Amino acid sequence: MMPPRIQDFVSRRRFLGLSFTGATSALSALFMGRAAQAQDPSPTPTAPAVATEHNTHNSMMSQMLVGQVDHERNGFDPMQMLVDWDYGKLVGETEDGRAIREYNISAGDIEIEIAPGIFFPAWAYNARVPGPTIRCAAGDRLRINFANYGSHPHTMHFHGFHPAEMDGVDGQYRGAIQPGEAFTYEFDADPFGSHLYHCHATPLKRHIHKGMYGAFIVDPQEGRPPAREFMMIMNAFDTNFDGGNEVYAVNTVGHEFMRRPIPIKVGELVRIYLINMIEFDLINSFHLHAHFFDYYDTGTTLEPTLKTVDTIMQAQGQRGIIEFRPRYPGRYMFHAHISEFAELGWMGFFNAVNAADYDAALVEVGLDASWGDKATNGSTTPYVEVDVTK
């Protein structure tokens, strides 16, 4: 007889349309660590094991989807997505001396692996989900050269101030860009904050859940205090197209940061640009273990809108900035405080280490010093002291 937990999983999130490998990988994750209980409804009690970092970590790892995703085949790595800011190309200045940045973005169809053995037919910007993290300073003039190589009409709609002609809405002004066509969006970056862009072609929910979105980070002119910065887009995938998600993640790959904990340093300011782009579920959340953080809703202020919290909620398209300082070395979990989302992929670890151990922490997850440099030198503007009370 199928265990009740597995029955619930299969009935609620039917893996219809998945490859056999993908379905068995997902189900194997649920069976691991539970086989003894399933075979024996009244197991004989045993003495508890002495808790160690090793066996505690392995116990939590048994809750994961089994196997590894081939990032090289995907063409993108969720760990690199944390820090790979796209600054465009500086091509000149406006008459009043503001930078002009030019970006090249394309739309296309691509199959991506979102969990071990589970593939998804995505629509993507620049052949990745999420699309490139566009970064600039407030006031920069942006030129986004958009070309549609996909099989469906697409647009780019940016959150922020811009003329109506640049809004990227299907049926308005230039409207949807047809397959084989191109268009240049041009506007000034305003306001500063943690923003996003996404396709606004109809049906909107289909274009978003298929993967057409990305982060749009606008730095304040005075910059923000130095920090180790990461971009995290909370996303999810309806693998059988039944109007409900089967895989949840940060930066697309389920449980990626359980397998590869994100290296950070004890005592260092950590800043997360957090964006929720899940379709079909009304609310998503972010919870950090053993720490509290300050939260800047939408990132449009230099003072926190929430202080000393450990969980925040976001609806689709909502975003903000999280800042915290790790106090002690160790692995600290972060995840959606919606248990189903966490079990189906939206869960990971920060690995907080002392400065002397940081290089080793990078090597452990296949990174080098250049990754750390991107994390700590991402801002387009230098930090200057300002009186935020004025």
Protein backbone atom coordinates (compact mmCIF):
# COMPACT_ATOMS: atom_id res chain seq x y z
CA MET A 1 0.00 0.00 0.00
CA MET A 2 1.30 3.48 -0.84
CA PRO A 3 2.23 5.46 2.32
CA PRO A 4 -0.20 8.33 3.11
CA ARG A 5 2.50 11.00 2.62
CA ILE A 6 3.20 9.73 -0.89
CA GLN A 7 -0.52 9.45 -1.67
CA ASP A 8 -0.98 13.08 -0.66
CA PHE A 9 1.95 14.13 -2.80
CA VAL A 10 0.77 12.28 -5.90
CA SER A 11 -2.87 13.35 -5.61
CA ARG A 12 -2.09 17.01 -4.90
CA ARG A 13 0.80 17.49 -7.33
CA ARG A 14 0.30 14.91 -10.08
CA PHE A 15 3.49 14.51 -12.10
CA LEU A 16 1.58 13.90 -15.34
CA GLY A 17 3.61 14.81 -18.38
CA LEU A 18 6.95 14.40 -16.63
CA SER A 19 9.63 12.08 -17.85
CA PHE A 20 9.70 8.74 -16.03
CA THR A 21 13.14 9.65 -14.67
CA GLY A 22 11.88 12.97 -13.33
CA ALA A 23 8.87 11.42 -11.61
CA THR A 24 10.84 8.64 -10.01
CA SER A 25 13.53 11.08 -8.85
CA ALA A 26 10.94 13.24 -7.13
CA LEU A 27 9.17 10.31 -5.51
CA SER A 28 12.47 8.73 -4.44
CA ALA A 29 13.22 11.86 -2.44
CA LEU A 30 10.09 11.34 -0.40
CA PHE A 31 10.76 7.64 0.14
CA MET A 32 14.33 8.24 1.38
CA GLY A 33 14.49 8.34 5.16
CA ARG A 34 10.94 6.99 5.45
CA ALA A 35 11.35 3.42 4.18
CA ALA A 36 11.63 1.88 7.64
CA GLN A 37 8.52 3.67 8.92
CA ALA A 38 6.54 2.63 5.82
CA GLN A 39 7.45 -1.05 6.27
CA ASP A 40 6.94 -1.18 10.01
CA PRO A 41 4.03 0.91 11.40
CA SER A 42 5.32 0.39 14.97
CA PRO A 43 9.11 0.64 14.82
CA THR A 44 11.11 -0.34 17.89
CA PRO A 45 12.43 2.77 19.66
CA THR A 46 16.19 3.19 19.57
CA ALA A 47 18.54 5.41 21.47
CA PRO A 48 18.91 8.84 19.83
CA ALA A 49 22.13 9.46 17.95
CA VAL A 50 24.44 12.17 19.19
CA ALA A 51 23.68 15.23 17.08
CA THR A 52 26.54 16.35 14.88
CA GLU A 53 26.75 18.78 12.00
CA HIS A 54 27.32 15.79 9.70
CA ASN A 55 24.33 13.64 10.57
CA THR A 56 21.99 16.62 11.03
CA HIS A 57 22.89 17.90 7.60
CA ASN A 58 22.44 14.47 6.02
CA SER A 59 19.02 14.09 7.65
CA MET A 60 17.87 17.33 6.09
CA MET A 61 19.42 16.40 2.76
CA SER A 62 17.24 13.27 2.67
CA GLN A 63 14.24 15.52 2.11
CA MET A 64 15.63 16.77 -1.21
CA LEU A 65 14.91 15.84 -4.77
CA VAL A 66 17.47 13.17 -5.68
CA GLY A 67 20.35 13.78 -8.07
CA GLN A 68 21.93 16.83 -9.66
CA VAL A 69 20.96 19.20 -12.44
CA ASP A 70 23.34 19.63 -15.38
CA HIS A 71 23.94 23.40 -15.29
CA GLU A 72 26.24 23.30 -18.32
CA ARG A 73 23.48 21.77 -20.41
CA ASN A 74 21.02 24.31 -19.05
CA GLY A 75 23.37 27.13 -19.99
CA PHE A 76 23.01 28.85 -16.61
CA ASP A 77 23.88 28.20 -12.97
CA PRO A 78 21.60 29.37 -10.11
CA MET A 79 24.70 30.08 -7.98
CA GLN A 80 26.12 32.39 -10.63
CA MET A 81 22.71 34.02 -11.09
CA LEU A 82 23.02 35.30 -7.52
CA VAL A 83 25.79 37.69 -8.61
CA ASP A 84 25.90 38.02 -12.42
CA TRP A 85 24.71 41.60 -12.83
CA ASP A 86 24.23 42.79 -16.42
CA TYR A 87 25.37 46.43 -16.60
CA GLY A 88 24.85 46.69 -20.35
CA LYS A 89 27.34 48.65 -22.41
CA LEU A 90 28.15 52.29 -21.72
CA VAL A 91 27.63 53.97 -25.10
CA GLY A 92 27.71 57.66 -24.18
CA GLU A 93 26.12 60.36 -22.05
CA THR A 94 22.97 62.43 -22.19
CA GLU A 95 23.23 66.20 -22.64
CA ASP A 96 23.10 66.64 -18.88
CA GLY A 97 25.86 64.09 -18.26
CA ARG A 98 23.92 60.94 -17.34
CA ALA A 99 25.19 57.56 -18.48
CA ILE A 100 23.56 55.85 -21.47
CA ARG A 101 23.53 52.06 -21.08
CA GLU A 102 22.61 49.70 -23.90
CA TYR A 103 21.43 46.10 -23.40
CA ASN A 104 20.71 43.30 -25.86
CA ILE A 105 17.89 40.97 -24.83
CA SER A 106 16.31 38.20 -26.89
CA ALA A 107 13.30 35.95 -26.39
CA GLY A 108 13.23 32.30 -27.36
CA ASP A 109 12.04 28.78 -26.61
CA ILE A 110 14.30 26.49 -24.57
CA GLU A 111 14.00 23.27 -22.57
CA ILE A 112 15.48 23.60 -19.09
CA GLU A 113 16.10 21.16 -16.24
CA ILE A 114 14.39 22.53 -13.13
CA ALA A 115 15.04 19.57 -10.81
CA PRO A 116 17.06 16.38 -11.32
CA GLY A 117 15.54 14.61 -14.32
CA ILE A 118 12.60 17.04 -14.60
CA PHE A 119 12.56 19.14 -17.78
CA PHE A 120 10.37 22.13 -18.59
CA PRO A 121 9.61 23.73 -22.00
CA ALA A 122 10.36 27.33 -21.11
CA TRP A 123 10.08 30.65 -22.87
CA ALA A 124 13.10 32.66 -21.83
CA TYR A 125 15.02 35.92 -22.07
CA ASN A 126 18.60 35.32 -23.24
CA ALA A 127 18.11 31.54 -22.99
CA ARG A 128 17.84 31.50 -19.19
CA VAL A 129 15.21 31.57 -16.46
CA PRO A 130 15.14 34.05 -14.87
CA GLY A 131 16.44 36.41 -17.55
CA PRO A 132 19.56 38.55 -17.09
CA THR A 133 19.70 40.79 -14.01
CA ILE A 134 19.67 44.29 -15.51
CA ARG A 135 21.53 46.68 -13.22
CA CYS A 136 22.06 50.44 -13.48
CA ALA A 137 21.95 53.66 -11.45
CA ALA A 138 18.95 55.91 -10.95
CA GLY A 139 18.84 58.43 -13.77
CA ASP A 140 20.76 56.33 -16.29
CA ARG A 141 19.29 56.38 -19.80
CA LEU A 142 18.55 52.78 -20.79
CA ARG A 143 18.29 51.37 -24.29
CA ILE A 144 17.10 47.77 -24.38
CA ASN A 145 17.37 46.23 -27.84
CA PHE A 146 14.80 43.44 -27.77
CA ALA A 147 14.61 40.74 -30.48
CA ASN A 148 12.03 37.95 -30.54
CA TYR A 149 13.40 34.62 -31.79
CA GLY A 150 10.64 32.63 -30.12
CA SER A 151 7.50 30.98 -31.45
CA HIS A 152 5.06 33.40 -29.78
CA PRO A 153 4.64 37.20 -29.49
CA HIS A 154 6.48 38.70 -26.50
CA THR A 155 7.15 42.05 -24.82
CA MET A 156 9.32 43.53 -22.08
CA HIS A 157 7.42 45.38 -19.39
CA PHE A 158 9.56 47.15 -16.77
CA HIS A 159 8.36 48.18 -13.31
CA GLY A 160 9.20 51.86 -12.83
CA PHE A 161 8.55 55.27 -14.38
CA HIS A 162 8.64 55.48 -18.20
CA PRO A 163 6.61 56.85 -21.12
CA ALA A 164 3.51 54.90 -22.14
CA GLU A 165 5.11 54.02 -25.48
CA MET A 166 7.77 52.07 -23.56
CA ASP A 167 5.40 50.12 -21.32
CA GLY A 168 5.55 46.85 -23.26
CA VAL A 169 1.83 46.02 -23.03
CA ASP A 170 0.16 43.83 -25.64
CA GLY A 171 -2.25 45.89 -27.76
CA GLN A 172 -0.96 49.31 -26.65
CA TYR A 173 1.40 51.48 -28.73
CA ARG A 174 4.08 49.15 -30.18
CA GLY A 175 2.49 46.26 -28.32
CA ALA A 176 3.66 42.68 -28.68
CA ILE A 177 6.80 42.00 -30.68
CA GLN A 178 6.04 39.24 -33.16
CA PRO A 179 8.41 36.31 -33.86
CA GLY A 180 11.22 37.57 -36.05
CA GLU A 181 10.67 41.23 -35.09
CA ALA A 182 12.65 43.61 -32.86
CA PHE A 183 12.08 46.80 -30.88
CA THR A 184 14.17 49.14 -28.72
CA TYR A 185 12.80 50.22 -25.36
CA GLU A 186 14.32 53.51 -24.16
CA PHE A 187 13.69 55.29 -20.86
CA ASP A 188 15.41 56.70 -17.77
CA ALA A 189 15.88 54.39 -14.77
CA ASP A 190 13.58 55.68 -12.01
CA PRO A 191 13.03 55.16 -9.11
CA PHE A 192 15.92 53.35 -7.43
CA GLY A 193 14.99 50.01 -5.91
CA SER A 194 14.62 46.27 -6.37
CA HIS A 195 12.43 45.96 -9.46
CA LEU A 196 11.59 43.47 -12.19
CA TYR A 197 10.66 43.09 -15.82
CA HIS A 198 8.47 40.48 -17.47
CA CYS A 199 6.56 39.69 -20.63
CA HIS A 200 3.14 41.36 -20.79
CA ALA A 201 1.77 39.49 -23.81
CA THR A 202 -1.49 37.59 -23.47
CA PRO A 203 -2.36 35.24 -21.93
CA LEU A 204 -0.23 36.85 -19.25
CA LYS A 205 -0.23 33.94 -16.80
CA ARG A 206 1.13 31.60 -19.48
CA HIS A 207 4.01 33.89 -20.43
CA ILE A 208 5.00 34.38 -16.79
CA HIS A 209 4.78 30.76 -15.65
CA LYS A 210 6.76 29.71 -18.73
CA GLY A 211 9.69 31.80 -17.44
CA MET A 212 9.61 35.28 -19.00
CA TYR A 213 10.82 37.52 -16.18
CA GLY A 214 14.00 38.92 -14.67
CA ALA A 215 15.39 41.29 -12.04
CA PHE A 216 15.81 45.02 -12.66
CA ILE A 217 18.08 46.53 -10.00
CA VAL A 218 18.38 50.33 -9.90
CA ASP A 219 21.03 51.65 -7.51
CA PRO A 220 20.50 54.96 -5.67
CA GLN A 221 22.90 57.68 -6.79
CA GLU A 222 24.52 57.69 -3.35
CA GLY A 223 24.83 53.91 -3.40
CA ARG A 224 24.06 51.58 -0.52
CA PRO A 225 26.43 50.58 2.32
CA PRO A 226 28.97 47.94 1.23
CA ALA A 227 27.55 44.42 1.49
CA ARG A 228 27.68 40.94 0.00
CA GLU A 229 24.79 41.13 -2.46
CA PHE A 230 22.63 38.41 -4.02
CA MET A 231 19.72 38.38 -6.45
CA MET A 232 17.03 35.82 -5.64
CA ILE A 233 13.90 35.33 -7.74
CA MET A 234 11.38 33.00 -6.13
CA ASN A 235 9.80 31.03 -8.97
CA ALA A 236 7.81 27.87 -9.63
CA PHE A 237 6.86 25.59 -12.51
CA ASP A 238 3.63 23.95 -13.58
CA THR A 239 5.16 20.88 -15.19
CA ASN A 240 1.90 19.29 -16.34
CA PHE A 241 0.05 22.51 -17.23
CA ASP A 242 -2.88 21.83 -14.92
CA GLY A 243 -2.84 25.29 -13.31
CA GLY A 244 -0.81 24.26 -10.25
CA ASN A 245 2.92 24.18 -9.58
CA GLU A 246 4.90 21.00 -9.02
CA VAL A 247 8.42 22.44 -8.51
CA TYR A 248 9.36 25.53 -6.47
CA ALA A 249 12.75 27.19 -6.35
CA VAL A 250 14.94 30.24 -5.97
CA ASN A 251 16.63 30.97 -9.32
CA THR A 252 14.85 28.07 -11.03
CA VAL A 253 16.50 24.84 -9.80
CA GLY A 254 14.76 23.09 -6.90
CA HIS A 255 16.86 22.54 -3.76
CA GLU A 256 19.99 23.84 -5.51
CA PHE A 257 21.17 25.75 -2.44
CA MET A 258 20.62 22.71 -0.23
CA ARG A 259 23.21 20.89 -2.34
CA ARG A 260 25.45 23.95 -2.60
CA PRO A 261 25.13 26.23 0.46
CA ILE A 262 25.77 29.91 -0.34
CA PRO A 263 29.10 31.06 1.20
CA ILE A 264 28.94 34.18 3.38
CA LYS A 265 31.21 35.61 6.09
CA VAL A 266 30.44 35.96 9.79
CA GLY A 267 29.86 39.61 10.73
CA GLU A 268 29.51 40.79 7.14
CA LEU A 269 26.43 42.65 5.89
CA VAL A 270 24.44 40.43 3.50
CA ARG A 271 21.95 42.07 1.12
CA ILE A 272 19.37 40.08 -0.87
CA TYR A 273 17.33 41.53 -3.73
CA LEU A 274 14.25 39.32 -3.35
CA ILE A 275 11.53 39.07 -6.02
CA ASN A 276 8.47 36.81 -6.13
CA MET A 277 7.42 35.64 -9.61
CA ILE A 278 5.40 32.49 -8.95
CA GLU A 279 2.18 32.04 -10.87
CA PHE A 280 -0.95 30.20 -9.58
CA ASP A 281 -0.09 30.58 -5.86
CA LEU A 282 -1.29 33.84 -4.30
CA ILE A 283 1.47 34.28 -1.72
CA ASN A 284 5.10 33.29 -1.33
CA SER A 285 7.40 33.91 1.62
CA PHE A 286 11.02 34.02 2.79
CA HIS A 287 12.10 32.81 6.23
CA LEU A 288 15.67 32.82 7.58
CA HIS A 289 16.69 30.49 10.40
CA ALA A 290 18.52 31.69 13.52
CA HIS A 291 18.65 35.32 12.36
CA PHE A 292 16.50 38.40 12.02
CA PHE A 293 16.77 40.90 9.19
CA ASP A 294 15.71 44.36 8.09
CA TYR A 295 13.42 44.62 5.07
CA TYR A 296 13.10 47.43 2.52
CA ASP A 297 9.78 47.05 0.71
CA THR A 298 10.38 47.54 -3.05
CA GLY A 299 13.84 48.88 -2.15
CA THR A 300 12.77 52.48 -2.80
CA THR A 301 13.85 53.80 0.60
CA LEU A 302 17.22 53.95 2.36
CA GLU A 303 15.57 53.21 5.71
CA PRO A 304 14.01 49.80 6.48
CA THR A 305 10.24 49.54 6.20
CA LEU A 306 10.36 46.54 8.56
CA LYS A 307 13.01 46.06 11.25
CA THR A 308 14.11 42.89 13.02
CA VAL A 309 11.87 40.31 11.35
CA ASP A 310 12.62 36.75 10.25
CA THR A 311 9.79 36.13 7.77
CA ILE A 312 8.24 38.27 5.04
CA MET A 313 5.41 37.62 2.59
CA GLN A 314 5.25 38.65 -1.07
CA ALA A 315 2.50 38.48 -3.68
CA GLN A 316 3.43 38.01 -7.34
CA GLY A 317 5.50 40.92 -8.61
CA GLN A 318 6.20 42.13 -5.08
CA ARG A 319 9.83 42.56 -4.13
CA GLY A 320 12.16 44.06 -1.60
CA ILE A 321 15.62 44.07 -0.07
CA ILE A 322 16.68 41.94 2.92
CA GLU A 323 19.74 42.84 5.03
CA PHE A 324 21.28 40.80 7.86
CA ARG A 325 24.61 40.01 9.51
CA PRO A 326 25.44 36.40 10.43
CA ARG A 327 26.63 36.20 14.04
CA TYR A 328 27.99 32.67 14.25
CA PRO A 329 29.61 30.15 11.90
CA GLY A 330 27.39 27.38 10.57
CA ARG A 331 24.83 26.39 7.97
CA TYR A 332 21.60 28.37 8.25
CA MET A 333 18.50 27.35 6.36
CA PHE A 334 16.29 29.74 4.40
CA HIS A 335 13.03 28.71 2.76
CA ALA A 336 9.41 29.53 2.07
CA HIS A 337 7.40 29.35 5.26
CA ILE A 338 4.84 27.38 3.30
CA SER A 339 5.82 23.79 3.94
CA GLU A 340 4.70 22.43 0.59
CA PHE A 341 6.83 24.96 -1.30
CA ALA A 342 9.88 24.05 0.80
CA GLU A 343 9.42 20.31 0.30
CA LEU A 344 9.01 20.75 -3.46
CA GLY A 345 12.24 22.69 -3.92
CA TRP A 346 12.13 26.15 -2.27
CA MET A 347 14.69 25.58 0.47
CA GLY A 348 18.42 26.23 0.84
CA PHE A 349 21.33 27.05 3.16
CA PHE A 350 23.71 29.90 3.79
CA ASN A 351 27.13 28.68 4.90
CA ALA A 352 28.44 31.33 7.31
CA VAL A 353 32.18 30.99 7.88
CA ASN A 354 34.98 32.97 9.44
CA ALA A 355 37.07 34.99 6.98
CA ALA A 356 39.96 32.49 7.17
CA ASP A 357 37.65 29.68 5.99
CA TYR A 358 35.95 31.57 3.17
CA ASP A 359 38.14 30.36 0.29
CA ALA A 360 37.55 26.75 1.32
CA ALA A 361 33.79 27.38 1.45
CA LEU A 362 33.94 28.66 -2.12
CA VAL A 363 35.82 25.61 -3.35
CA GLU A 364 33.35 23.29 -1.60
CA VAL A 365 30.55 24.47 -3.91
CA GLY A 366 32.62 24.88 -7.07
CA LEU A 367 33.28 28.63 -6.89
CA ASP A 368 36.36 30.83 -7.00
CA ALA A 369 37.31 34.30 -5.82
CA SER A 370 35.74 35.99 -8.86
CA TRP A 371 32.30 34.96 -7.61
CA GLY A 372 32.97 36.67 -4.29
CA ASP A 373 34.21 39.78 -6.09
CA LYS A 374 30.95 40.02 -8.05
CA ALA A 375 28.98 39.67 -4.84
CA THR A 376 30.81 42.52 -3.11
CA ASN A 377 31.34 44.89 -6.05
CA GLY A 378 27.97 44.85 -7.76
CA SER A 379 26.77 48.41 -7.25
CA THR A 380 27.01 50.83 -10.16
CA THR A 381 27.50 53.74 -7.76
CA PRO A 382 30.04 54.25 -4.94
CA TYR A 383 28.65 54.55 -1.44
CA VAL A 384 28.66 58.02 0.08
CA GLU A 385 27.48 58.97 3.53
CA VAL A 386 24.09 60.73 3.42
CA ASP A 387 21.67 61.99 6.04
CA VAL A 388 18.64 59.78 5.38
CA THR A 389 16.52 61.74 7.88
CA LYS A 390 16.30 64.76 5.57
